[in-house]
Amino acid sequence: MKSKIYFSPIRCLLFTIIPLLLLLALIYNGISAAIKTTAISTTSETKPFLTVEKPMLGFKISYPPDWNLTDNDFVMRL
């Protein structure tokens, strides 16, 4: 007489759900690593800031190089 193989709920967990969770964790880690790499590469491409100083008015300000700065002695517009 042949014996029937019975899969208990614990075996179902071990052989189906746990490998799926591990696979999802690996996929998530790969995606988050790709996002971090993209974030690092975009922040490392920043251009140095330009600086304008007005000692008579008592301030110094840094601004991005792609801004247009118009300046007279008392008013500065970006």
PDB file of N, CA and C in Angstrom:
ATOM      1  N   MET A   1       0.834  -1.176   0.000  1.00  0.00           N
ATOM      2  CA  MET A   1       0.000   0.000   0.000  1.00  0.00           C
ATOM      3  C   MET A   1       0.885   1.248   0.000  1.00  0.00           C
ATOM      4  N   LYS A   2       0.535   2.203  -0.858  1.00  0.00           N
ATOM      5  CA  LYS A   2       1.319   3.424  -0.958  1.00  0.00           C
ATOM      6  C   LYS A   2       0.892   4.401   0.130  1.00  0.00           C
ATOM      7  N   SER A   3       1.902   5.053   0.665  1.00  0.00           N
ATOM      8  CA  SER A   3       1.581   6.065   1.673  1.00  0.00           C
ATOM      9  C   SER A   3       1.410   7.420   0.985  1.00  0.00           C
ATOM     10  N   LYS A   4       0.500   8.202   1.499  1.00  0.00           N
ATOM     11  CA  LYS A   4       0.206   9.512   0.947  1.00  0.00           C
ATOM     12  C   LYS A   4       1.145  10.537   1.599  1.00  0.00           C
ATOM     13  N   ILE A   5       1.667  11.458   0.795  1.00  0.00           N
ATOM     14  CA  ILE A   5       2.522  12.516   1.335  1.00  0.00           C
ATOM     15  C   ILE A   5       1.617  13.661   1.766  1.00  0.00           C
ATOM     16  N   TYR A   6       1.752  14.049   2.993  1.00  0.00           N
ATOM     17  CA  TYR A   6       0.943  15.121   3.552  1.00  0.00           C
ATOM     18  C   TYR A   6       1.844  16.326   3.804  1.00  0.00           C
ATOM     19  N   PHE A   7       1.479  17.477   3.245  1.00  0.00           N
ATOM     20  CA  PHE A   7       2.226  18.709   3.494  1.00  0.00           C
ATOM     21  C   PHE A   7       1.514  19.492   4.579  1.00  0.00           C
ATOM     22  N   SER A   8       2.154  19.606   5.673  1.00  0.00           N
ATOM     23  CA  SER A   8       1.573  20.360   6.775  1.00  0.00           C
ATOM     24  C   SER A   8       1.672  21.857   6.481  1.00  0.00           C
ATOM     25  N   PRO A   9       0.919  22.670   7.193  1.00  0.00           N
ATOM     26  CA  PRO A   9       1.005  24.131   6.985  1.00  0.00           C
ATOM     27  C   PRO A   9       2.413  24.674   7.213  1.00  0.00           C
ATOM     28  N   ILE A  10       3.139  24.068   8.105  1.00  0.00           N
ATOM     29  CA  ILE A  10       4.505  24.527   8.363  1.00  0.00           C
ATOM     30  C   ILE A  10       5.374  24.269   7.142  1.00  0.00           C
ATOM     31  N   ARG A  11       5.219  23.127   6.501  1.00  0.00           N
ATOM     32  CA  ARG A  11       5.980  22.847   5.286  1.00  0.00           C
ATOM     33  C   ARG A  11       5.586  23.811   4.169  1.00  0.00           C
ATOM     34  N   CYS A  12       4.333  24.124   4.076  1.00  0.00           N
ATOM     35  CA  CYS A  12       3.904  25.105   3.074  1.00  0.00           C
ATOM     36  C   CYS A  12       4.590  26.445   3.304  1.00  0.00           C
ATOM     37  N   LEU A  13       4.693  26.863   4.546  1.00  0.00           N
ATOM     38  CA  LEU A  13       5.397  28.107   4.866  1.00  0.00           C
ATOM     39  C   LEU A  13       6.857  28.022   4.475  1.00  0.00           C
ATOM     40  N   LEU A  14       7.477  26.925   4.812  1.00  0.00           N
ATOM     41  CA  LEU A  14       8.899  26.779   4.543  1.00  0.00           C
ATOM     42  C   LEU A  14       9.208  26.759   3.051  1.00  0.00           C
ATOM     43  N   PHE A  15       8.390  26.122   2.268  1.00  0.00           N
ATOM     44  CA  PHE A  15       8.691  25.926   0.862  1.00  0.00           C
ATOM     45  C   PHE A  15       8.067  26.943  -0.086  1.00  0.00           C
ATOM     46  N   THR A  16       7.161  27.768   0.367  1.00  0.00           N
ATOM     47  CA  THR A  16       6.552  28.742  -0.539  1.00  0.00           C
ATOM     48  C   THR A  16       6.701  30.175  -0.055  1.00  0.00           C
ATOM     49  N   ILE A  17       6.206  30.455   1.112  1.00  0.00           N
ATOM     50  CA  ILE A  17       6.157  31.847   1.563  1.00  0.00           C
ATOM     51  C   ILE A  17       7.542  32.387   1.908  1.00  0.00           C
ATOM     52  N   ILE A  18       8.347  31.631   2.615  1.00  0.00           N
ATOM     53  CA  ILE A  18       9.667  32.120   3.020  1.00  0.00           C
ATOM     54  C   ILE A  18      10.566  32.380   1.809  1.00  0.00           C
ATOM     55  N   PRO A  19      10.664  31.488   0.809  1.00  0.00           N
ATOM     56  CA  PRO A  19      11.466  31.841  -0.380  1.00  0.00           C
ATOM     57  C   PRO A  19      10.938  33.064  -1.122  1.00  0.00           C
ATOM     58  N   LEU A  20       9.635  33.224  -1.162  1.00  0.00           N
ATOM     59  CA  LEU A  20       9.078  34.419  -1.799  1.00  0.00           C
ATOM     60  C   LEU A  20       9.459  35.683  -1.047  1.00  0.00           C
ATOM     61  N   LEU A  21       9.421  35.636   0.261  1.00  0.00           N
ATOM     62  CA  LEU A  21       9.829  36.796   1.058  1.00  0.00           C
ATOM     63  C   LEU A  21      11.303  37.109   0.868  1.00  0.00           C
ATOM     64  N   LEU A  22      12.127  36.087   0.787  1.00  0.00           N
ATOM     65  CA  LEU A  22      13.552  36.311   0.541  1.00  0.00           C
ATOM     66  C   LEU A  22      13.785  36.932  -0.835  1.00  0.00           C
ATOM     67  N   LEU A  23      13.058  36.462  -1.821  1.00  0.00           N
ATOM     68  CA  LEU A  23      13.174  37.029  -3.158  1.00  0.00           C
ATOM     69  C   LEU A  23      12.747  38.490  -3.184  1.00  0.00           C
ATOM     70  N   LEU A  24      11.651  38.793  -2.520  1.00  0.00           N
ATOM     71  CA  LEU A  24      11.201  40.195  -2.446  1.00  0.00           C
ATOM     72  C   LEU A  24      12.224  41.068  -1.724  1.00  0.00           C
ATOM     73  N   ALA A  25      12.850  40.549  -0.679  1.00  0.00           N
ATOM     74  CA  ALA A  25      13.869  41.311   0.042  1.00  0.00           C
ATOM     75  C   ALA A  25      15.071  41.591  -0.854  1.00  0.00           C
ATOM     76  N   LEU A  26      15.488  40.614  -1.647  1.00  0.00           N
ATOM     77  CA  LEU A  26      16.603  40.831  -2.566  1.00  0.00           C
ATOM     78  C   LEU A  26      16.261  41.864  -3.628  1.00  0.00           C
ATOM     79  N   ILE A  27      15.053  41.809  -4.150  1.00  0.00           N
ATOM     80  CA  ILE A  27      14.629  42.790  -5.149  1.00  0.00           C
ATOM     81  C   ILE A  27      14.585  44.182  -4.536  1.00  0.00           C
ATOM     82  N   TYR A  28      14.054  44.299  -3.332  1.00  0.00           N
ATOM     83  CA  TYR A  28      13.971  45.599  -2.658  1.00  0.00           C
ATOM     84  C   TYR A  28      15.368  46.168  -2.413  1.00  0.00           C
ATOM     85  N   ASN A  29      16.301  45.338  -1.965  1.00  0.00           N
ATOM     86  CA  ASN A  29      17.668  45.811  -1.715  1.00  0.00           C
ATOM     87  C   ASN A  29      18.326  46.276  -3.001  1.00  0.00           C
ATOM     88  N   GLY A  30      18.077  45.588  -4.094  1.00  0.00           N
ATOM     89  CA  GLY A  30      18.641  46.003  -5.376  1.00  0.00           C
ATOM     90  C   GLY A  30      18.084  47.331  -5.838  1.00  0.00           C
ATOM     91  N   ILE A  31      16.795  47.532  -5.659  1.00  0.00           N
ATOM     92  CA  ILE A  31      16.170  48.789  -6.071  1.00  0.00           C
ATOM     93  C   ILE A  31      16.651  49.941  -5.190  1.00  0.00           C
ATOM     94  N   SER A  32      16.716  49.723  -3.885  1.00  0.00           N
ATOM     95  CA  SER A  32      17.160  50.807  -3.002  1.00  0.00           C
ATOM     96  C   SER A  32      18.625  51.138  -3.232  1.00  0.00           C
ATOM     97  N   ALA A  33      19.453  50.149  -3.575  1.00  0.00           N
ATOM     98  CA  ALA A  33      20.857  50.430  -3.885  1.00  0.00           C
ATOM     99  C   ALA A  33      20.972  51.244  -5.166  1.00  0.00           C
ATOM    100  N   ALA A  34      20.131  50.958  -6.146  1.00  0.00           N
ATOM    101  CA  ALA A  34      20.144  51.719  -7.391  1.00  0.00           C
ATOM    102  C   ALA A  34      19.707  53.157  -7.150  1.00  0.00           C
ATOM    103  N   ILE A  35      18.735  53.358  -6.289  1.00  0.00           N
ATOM    104  CA  ILE A  35      18.268  54.711  -5.975  1.00  0.00           C
ATOM    105  C   ILE A  35      19.365  55.488  -5.258  1.00  0.00           C
ATOM    106  N   LYS A  36      20.049  54.857  -4.312  1.00  0.00           N
ATOM    107  CA  LYS A  36      21.132  55.534  -3.604  1.00  0.00           C
ATOM    108  C   LYS A  36      22.255  55.907  -4.556  1.00  0.00           C
ATOM    109  N   THR A  37      22.597  55.037  -5.500  1.00  0.00           N
ATOM    110  CA  THR A  37      23.646  55.331  -6.470  1.00  0.00           C
ATOM    111  C   THR A  37      23.257  56.508  -7.338  1.00  0.00           C
ATOM    112  N   THR A  38      22.002  56.577  -7.751  1.00  0.00           N
ATOM    113  CA  THR A  38      21.536  57.692  -8.554  1.00  0.00           C
ATOM    114  C   THR A  38      21.584  58.985  -7.757  1.00  0.00           C
ATOM    115  N   ALA A  39      21.189  58.937  -6.497  1.00  0.00           N
ATOM    116  CA  ALA A  39      21.210  60.140  -5.656  1.00  0.00           C
ATOM    117  C   ALA A  39      22.625  60.630  -5.449  1.00  0.00           C
ATOM    118  N   ILE A  40      23.566  59.730  -5.256  1.00  0.00           N
ATOM    119  CA  ILE A  40      24.953  60.129  -5.048  1.00  0.00           C
ATOM    120  C   ILE A  40      25.520  60.746  -6.318  1.00  0.00           C
ATOM    121  N   SER A  41      25.224  60.179  -7.474  1.00  0.00           N
ATOM    122  CA  SER A  41      25.783  60.694  -8.715  1.00  0.00           C
ATOM    123  C   SER A  41      25.205  62.063  -9.062  1.00  0.00           C
ATOM    124  N   THR A  42      23.955  62.335  -8.731  1.00  0.00           N
ATOM    125  CA  THR A  42      23.388  63.641  -9.051  1.00  0.00           C
ATOM    126  C   THR A  42      23.907  64.715  -8.109  1.00  0.00           C
ATOM    127  N   THR A  43      24.169  64.385  -6.855  1.00  0.00           N
ATOM    128  CA  THR A  43      24.667  65.400  -5.945  1.00  0.00           C
ATOM    129  C   THR A  43      26.147  65.671  -6.149  1.00  0.00           C
ATOM    130  N   SER A  44      26.892  64.752  -6.731  1.00  0.00           N
ATOM    131  CA  SER A  44      28.317  64.986  -6.934  1.00  0.00           C
ATOM    132  C   SER A  44      28.579  65.869  -8.145  1.00  0.00           C
ATOM    133  N   GLU A  45      27.559  66.168  -8.953  1.00  0.00           N
ATOM    134  CA  GLU A  45      27.718  66.984 -10.140  1.00  0.00           C
ATOM    135  C   GLU A  45      27.377  68.451  -9.884  1.00  0.00           C
ATOM    136  N   THR A  46      27.317  68.886  -8.657  1.00  0.00           N
ATOM    137  CA  THR A  46      26.967  70.269  -8.370  1.00  0.00           C
ATOM    138  C   THR A  46      28.121  71.193  -8.736  1.00  0.00           C
ATOM    139  N   LYS A  47      27.776  72.360  -9.215  1.00  0.00           N
ATOM    140  CA  LYS A  47      28.766  73.351  -9.594  1.00  0.00           C
ATOM    141  C   LYS A  47      29.093  74.216  -8.377  1.00  0.00           C
ATOM    142  N   PRO A  48      30.312  74.737  -8.317  1.00  0.00           N
ATOM    143  CA  PRO A  48      30.650  75.600  -7.179  1.00  0.00           C
ATOM    144  C   PRO A  48      29.855  76.909  -7.226  1.00  0.00           C
ATOM    145  N   PHE A  49      29.545  77.403  -6.061  1.00  0.00           N
ATOM    146  CA  PHE A  49      28.781  78.639  -5.954  1.00  0.00           C
ATOM    147  C   PHE A  49      29.699  79.837  -6.149  1.00  0.00           C
ATOM    148  N   LEU A  50      29.138  80.909  -6.684  1.00  0.00           N
ATOM    149  CA  LEU A  50      29.836  82.183  -6.787  1.00  0.00           C
ATOM    150  C   LEU A  50      29.491  83.014  -5.557  1.00  0.00           C
ATOM    151  N   THR A  51      30.363  83.931  -5.221  1.00  0.00           N
ATOM    152  CA  THR A  51      30.152  84.736  -4.014  1.00  0.00           C
ATOM    153  C   THR A  51      30.248  86.212  -4.357  1.00  0.00           C
ATOM    154  N   VAL A  52      29.355  86.986  -3.800  1.00  0.00           N
ATOM    155  CA  VAL A  52      29.429  88.437  -3.895  1.00  0.00           C
ATOM    156  C   VAL A  52      29.459  88.980  -2.472  1.00  0.00           C
ATOM    157  N   GLU A  53      30.301  89.962  -2.262  1.00  0.00           N
ATOM    158  CA  GLU A  53      30.453  90.532  -0.920  1.00  0.00           C
ATOM    159  C   GLU A  53      30.276  92.044  -0.996  1.00  0.00           C
ATOM    160  N   LYS A  54      29.508  92.577  -0.084  1.00  0.00           N
ATOM    161  CA  LYS A  54      29.276  94.013   0.026  1.00  0.00           C
ATOM    162  C   LYS A  54      29.660  94.457   1.432  1.00  0.00           C
ATOM    163  N   PRO A  55      30.916  94.823   1.648  1.00  0.00           N
ATOM    164  CA  PRO A  55      31.338  95.223   2.990  1.00  0.00           C
ATOM    165  C   PRO A  55      30.642  96.493   3.482  1.00  0.00           C
ATOM    166  N   MET A  56      30.301  97.384   2.534  1.00  0.00           N
ATOM    167  CA  MET A  56      29.630  98.621   2.929  1.00  0.00           C
ATOM    168  C   MET A  56      28.248  98.324   3.514  1.00  0.00           C
ATOM    169  N   LEU A  57      27.573  97.299   2.964  1.00  0.00           N
ATOM    170  CA  LEU A  57      26.268  96.917   3.471  1.00  0.00           C
ATOM    171  C   LEU A  57      26.361  95.837   4.545  1.00  0.00           C
ATOM    172  N   GLY A  58      27.524  95.204   4.688  1.00  0.00           N
ATOM    173  CA  GLY A  58      27.746  94.250   5.759  1.00  0.00           C
ATOM    174  C   GLY A  58      27.232  92.844   5.492  1.00  0.00           C
ATOM    175  N   PHE A  59      27.350  92.378   4.252  1.00  0.00           N
ATOM    176  CA  PHE A  59      26.940  90.992   4.002  1.00  0.00           C
ATOM    177  C   PHE A  59      27.780  90.373   2.897  1.00  0.00           C
ATOM    178  N   LYS A  60      27.730  89.058   2.870  1.00  0.00           N
ATOM    179  CA  LYS A  60      28.348  88.250   1.820  1.00  0.00           C
ATOM    180  C   LYS A  60      27.356  87.145   1.483  1.00  0.00           C
ATOM    181  N   ILE A  61      27.125  86.898   0.196  1.00  0.00           N
ATOM    182  CA  ILE A  61      26.135  85.903  -0.214  1.00  0.00           C
ATOM    183  C   ILE A  61      26.725  85.026  -1.322  1.00  0.00           C
ATOM    184  N   SER A  62      26.392  83.743  -1.274  1.00  0.00           N
ATOM    185  CA  SER A  62      26.784  82.800  -2.319  1.00  0.00           C
ATOM    186  C   SER A  62      25.559  82.472  -3.155  1.00  0.00           C
ATOM    187  N   TYR A  63      25.783  82.315  -4.465  1.00  0.00           N
ATOM    188  CA  TYR A  63      24.668  82.026  -5.355  1.00  0.00           C
ATOM    189  C   TYR A  63      25.145  81.071  -6.457  1.00  0.00           C
ATOM    190  N   PRO A  64      24.217  80.316  -7.050  1.00  0.00           N
ATOM    191  CA  PRO A  64      24.586  79.376  -8.119  1.00  0.00           C
ATOM    192  C   PRO A  64      25.076  80.124  -9.360  1.00  0.00           C
ATOM    193  N   PRO A  65      25.965  79.509 -10.120  1.00  0.00           N
ATOM    194  CA  PRO A  65      26.525  80.210 -11.286  1.00  0.00           C
ATOM    195  C   PRO A  65      25.528  80.436 -12.422  1.00  0.00           C
ATOM    196  N   ASP A  66      24.396  79.741 -12.417  1.00  0.00           N
ATOM    197  CA  ASP A  66      23.432  79.945 -13.494  1.00  0.00           C
ATOM    198  C   ASP A  66      22.422  81.053 -13.178  1.00  0.00           C
ATOM    199  N   TRP A  67      22.558  81.722 -12.055  1.00  0.00           N
ATOM    200  CA  TRP A  67      21.706  82.862 -11.737  1.00  0.00           C
ATOM    201  C   TRP A  67      22.312  84.119 -12.359  1.00  0.00           C
ATOM    202  N   ASN A  68      21.439  85.036 -12.781  1.00  0.00           N
ATOM    203  CA  ASN A  68      21.892  86.337 -13.278  1.00  0.00           C
ATOM    204  C   ASN A  68      21.802  87.340 -12.138  1.00  0.00           C
ATOM    205  N   LEU A  69      22.890  88.004 -11.868  1.00  0.00           N
ATOM    206  CA  LEU A  69      22.947  88.945 -10.749  1.00  0.00           C
ATOM    207  C   LEU A  69      23.098  90.348 -11.309  1.00  0.00           C
ATOM    208  N   THR A  70      22.134  91.213 -11.021  1.00  0.00           N
ATOM    209  CA  THR A  70      22.266  92.626 -11.354  1.00  0.00           C
ATOM    210  C   THR A  70      22.529  93.375 -10.060  1.00  0.00           C
ATOM    211  N   ASP A  71      23.447  94.289 -10.120  1.00  0.00           N
ATOM    212  CA  ASP A  71      23.959  94.884  -8.890  1.00  0.00           C
ATOM    213  C   ASP A  71      24.202  96.361  -9.069  1.00  0.00           C
ATOM    214  N   ASN A  72      23.703  97.149  -8.134  1.00  0.00           N
ATOM    215  CA  ASN A  72      24.183  98.514  -7.983  1.00  0.00           C
ATOM    216  C   ASN A  72      24.608  98.653  -6.537  1.00  0.00           C
ATOM    217  N   ASP A  73      24.894  99.834  -6.070  1.00  0.00           N
ATOM    218  CA  ASP A  73      25.464  99.973  -4.724  1.00  0.00           C
ATOM    219  C   ASP A  73      24.486  99.607  -3.598  1.00  0.00           C
ATOM    220  N   PHE A  74      23.191  99.697  -3.824  1.00  0.00           N
ATOM    221  CA  PHE A  74      22.258  99.485  -2.719  1.00  0.00           C
ATOM    222  C   PHE A  74      21.227  98.379  -2.962  1.00  0.00           C
ATOM    223  N   VAL A  75      21.051  97.962  -4.216  1.00  0.00           N
ATOM    224  CA  VAL A  75      20.042  96.957  -4.527  1.00  0.00           C
ATOM    225  C   VAL A  75      20.695  95.840  -5.332  1.00  0.00           C
ATOM    226  N   MET A  76      20.408  94.602  -4.935  1.00  0.00           N
ATOM    227  CA  MET A  76      20.875  93.441  -5.700  1.00  0.00           C
ATOM    228  C   MET A  76      19.659  92.625  -6.097  1.00  0.00           C
ATOM    229  N   ARG A  77      19.575  92.240  -7.329  1.00  0.00           N
ATOM    230  CA  ARG A  77      18.460  91.426  -7.804  1.00  0.00           C
ATOM    231  C   ARG A  77      19.019  90.158  -8.425  1.00  0.00           C
ATOM    232  N   LEU A  78      18.376  89.055  -8.060  1.00  0.00           N
ATOM    233  CA  LEU A  78      18.771  87.762  -8.627  1.00  0.00           C
ATOM    234  C   LEU A  78      17.793  87.353  -9.688  1.00  0.00           C
TER     235      LEU A  78
END
